[in-house]
């Protein structure tokens, strides 16, 4: 039960952090991926989560880390999102 709650909290936090803090969101997506892989290898199927998608969450987190590695890319991203608001 704790694993399902932790998974949902990490996903929600990653989603809420994305527009303003893309690297924090990337770290949280990496945590979701690691937790999913851990749940898959420990055969914790009781929480009905898509734990097989762990490598996808890890890939998303790494992609965000690479995409927003420079301060210019982060500034352009934040400017785009604040311009839309």
C-alpha atoms as a PDB file:
ATOM      1  CA  UNK A   1       0.000   0.000   0.000  1.00  0.00           C
ATOM      2  CA  UNK A   2       2.781   2.455   0.807  1.00  0.00           C
ATOM      3  CA  UNK A   3       4.318   1.898  -2.599  1.00  0.00           C
ATOM      4  CA  UNK A   4       1.160   2.916  -4.448  1.00  0.00           C
ATOM      5  CA  UNK A   5       0.792   6.054  -2.376  1.00  0.00           C
ATOM      6  CA  UNK A   6       4.467   6.936  -2.865  1.00  0.00           C
ATOM      7  CA  UNK A   7       4.176   6.348  -6.623  1.00  0.00           C
ATOM      8  CA  UNK A   8       1.153   8.618  -6.915  1.00  0.00           C
ATOM      9  CA  UNK A   9       2.744  11.348  -4.777  1.00  0.00           C
ATOM     10  CA  UNK A  10       5.913  11.284  -6.889  1.00  0.00           C
ATOM     11  CA  UNK A  11       3.904  11.444 -10.126  1.00  0.00           C
ATOM     12  CA  UNK A  12       1.796  14.360  -8.850  1.00  0.00           C
ATOM     13  CA  UNK A  13       4.851  16.254  -7.634  1.00  0.00           C
ATOM     14  CA  UNK A  14       6.625  15.723 -10.977  1.00  0.00           C
ATOM     15  CA  UNK A  15       3.585  16.993 -12.844  1.00  0.00           C
ATOM     16  CA  UNK A  16       3.210  20.062 -10.654  1.00  0.00           C
ATOM     17  CA  UNK A  17       6.917  20.926 -10.888  1.00  0.00           C
ATOM     18  CA  UNK A  18       7.210  20.675 -14.663  1.00  0.00           C
ATOM     19  CA  UNK A  19       6.459  24.118 -16.065  1.00  0.00           C
ATOM     20  CA  UNK A  20       8.574  26.052 -13.576  1.00  0.00           C
ATOM     21  CA  UNK A  21      11.169  23.505 -12.435  1.00  0.00           C
ATOM     22  CA  UNK A  22      11.941  21.079 -15.278  1.00  0.00           C
ATOM     23  CA  UNK A  23      15.076  19.603 -13.661  1.00  0.00           C
ATOM     24  CA  UNK A  24      13.252  18.937 -10.399  1.00  0.00           C
ATOM     25  CA  UNK A  25      10.526  17.295 -12.430  1.00  0.00           C
ATOM     26  CA  UNK A  26      13.173  15.216 -14.194  1.00  0.00           C
ATOM     27  CA  UNK A  27      14.575  14.017 -10.883  1.00  0.00           C
ATOM     28  CA  UNK A  28      11.084  13.083  -9.698  1.00  0.00           C
ATOM     29  CA  UNK A  29      10.388  11.194 -12.940  1.00  0.00           C
ATOM     30  CA  UNK A  30      13.659   9.325 -12.405  1.00  0.00           C
ATOM     31  CA  UNK A  31      12.490   8.452  -8.891  1.00  0.00           C
ATOM     32  CA  UNK A  32       9.168   7.193 -10.283  1.00  0.00           C
ATOM     33  CA  UNK A  33      11.046   5.047 -12.782  1.00  0.00           C
ATOM     34  CA  UNK A  34      13.371   3.590 -10.155  1.00  0.00           C
ATOM     35  CA  UNK A  35      10.421   2.866  -7.863  1.00  0.00           C
ATOM     36  CA  UNK A  36       8.535   1.223 -10.740  1.00  0.00           C
ATOM     37  CA  UNK A  37      11.491  -0.976 -11.639  1.00  0.00           C
ATOM     38  CA  UNK A  38      11.930  -1.880  -7.958  1.00  0.00           C
ATOM     39  CA  UNK A  39       8.244  -2.817  -7.724  1.00  0.00           C
ATOM     40  CA  UNK A  40       8.507  -4.858 -10.905  1.00  0.00           C
ATOM     41  CA  UNK A  41      11.503  -6.840  -9.633  1.00  0.00           C
ATOM     42  CA  UNK A  42      10.010  -7.438  -6.192  1.00  0.00           C
ATOM     43  CA  UNK A  43       6.742  -8.640  -7.783  1.00  0.00           C
ATOM     44  CA  UNK A  44       4.678  -6.090  -5.892  1.00  0.00           C
ATOM     45  CA  UNK A  45       1.573  -6.282  -8.066  1.00  0.00           C
ATOM     46  CA  UNK A  46      -0.967  -5.494  -5.363  1.00  0.00           C
ATOM     47  CA  UNK A  47      -1.233  -1.804  -6.150  1.00  0.00           C
ATOM     48  CA  UNK A  48      -2.344  -2.185  -9.813  1.00  0.00           C
ATOM     49  CA  UNK A  49       0.186   0.346 -11.105  1.00  0.00           C
ATOM     50  CA  UNK A  50       1.807   0.241 -14.483  1.00  0.00           C
ATOM     51  CA  UNK A  51       5.150  -0.803 -13.032  1.00  0.00           C
ATOM     52  CA  UNK A  52       6.353  -2.209 -16.343  1.00  0.00           C
ATOM     53  CA  UNK A  53       6.631   1.366 -17.636  1.00  0.00           C
ATOM     54  CA  UNK A  54       9.576   2.077 -15.313  1.00  0.00           C
ATOM     55  CA  UNK A  55      12.195   2.299 -18.067  1.00  0.00           C
ATOM     56  CA  UNK A  56       9.970   4.797 -19.868  1.00  0.00           C
ATOM     57  CA  UNK A  57       9.815   7.062 -16.803  1.00  0.00           C
ATOM     58  CA  UNK A  58      13.588   6.780 -16.426  1.00  0.00           C
ATOM     59  CA  UNK A  59      14.052   7.708 -20.086  1.00  0.00           C
ATOM     60  CA  UNK A  60      11.722  10.707 -19.663  1.00  0.00           C
ATOM     61  CA  UNK A  61      13.676  11.913 -16.640  1.00  0.00           C
ATOM     62  CA  UNK A  62      17.018  11.574 -18.409  1.00  0.00           C
ATOM     63  CA  UNK A  63      15.621  13.339 -21.481  1.00  0.00           C
ATOM     64  CA  UNK A  64      14.473  16.291 -19.349  1.00  0.00           C
ATOM     65  CA  UNK A  65      17.853  16.454 -17.631  1.00  0.00           C
ATOM     66  CA  UNK A  66      19.637  16.552 -20.982  1.00  0.00           C
ATOM     67  CA  UNK A  67      17.163  18.966 -22.567  1.00  0.00           C
ATOM     68  CA  UNK A  68      17.345  21.496 -19.729  1.00  0.00           C
ATOM     69  CA  UNK A  69      21.032  21.169 -18.823  1.00  0.00           C
ATOM     70  CA  UNK A  70      21.895  24.770 -19.743  1.00  0.00           C
ATOM     71  CA  UNK A  71      20.560  27.878 -18.053  1.00  0.00           C
ATOM     72  CA  UNK A  72      19.629  29.336 -21.460  1.00  0.00           C
ATOM     73  CA  UNK A  73      17.348  26.400 -22.249  1.00  0.00           C
ATOM     74  CA  UNK A  74      15.696  26.656 -18.837  1.00  0.00           C
ATOM     75  CA  UNK A  75      15.214  30.429 -19.197  1.00  0.00           C
ATOM     76  CA  UNK A  76      13.668  30.018 -22.647  1.00  0.00           C
ATOM     77  CA  UNK A  77      11.346  27.316 -21.311  1.00  0.00           C
ATOM     78  CA  UNK A  78      10.204  29.431 -18.346  1.00  0.00           C
ATOM     79  CA  UNK A  79       9.711  32.467 -20.607  1.00  0.00           C
ATOM     80  CA  UNK A  80       7.539  30.393 -22.941  1.00  0.00           C
ATOM     81  CA  UNK A  81       5.335  29.145 -20.097  1.00  0.00           C
ATOM     82  CA  UNK A  82       4.997  32.538 -18.392  1.00  0.00           C
ATOM     83  CA  UNK A  83       4.174  34.151 -21.750  1.00  0.00           C
ATOM     84  CA  UNK A  84       1.271  31.714 -22.192  1.00  0.00           C
ATOM     85  CA  UNK A  85      -0.246  32.614 -18.815  1.00  0.00           C
END
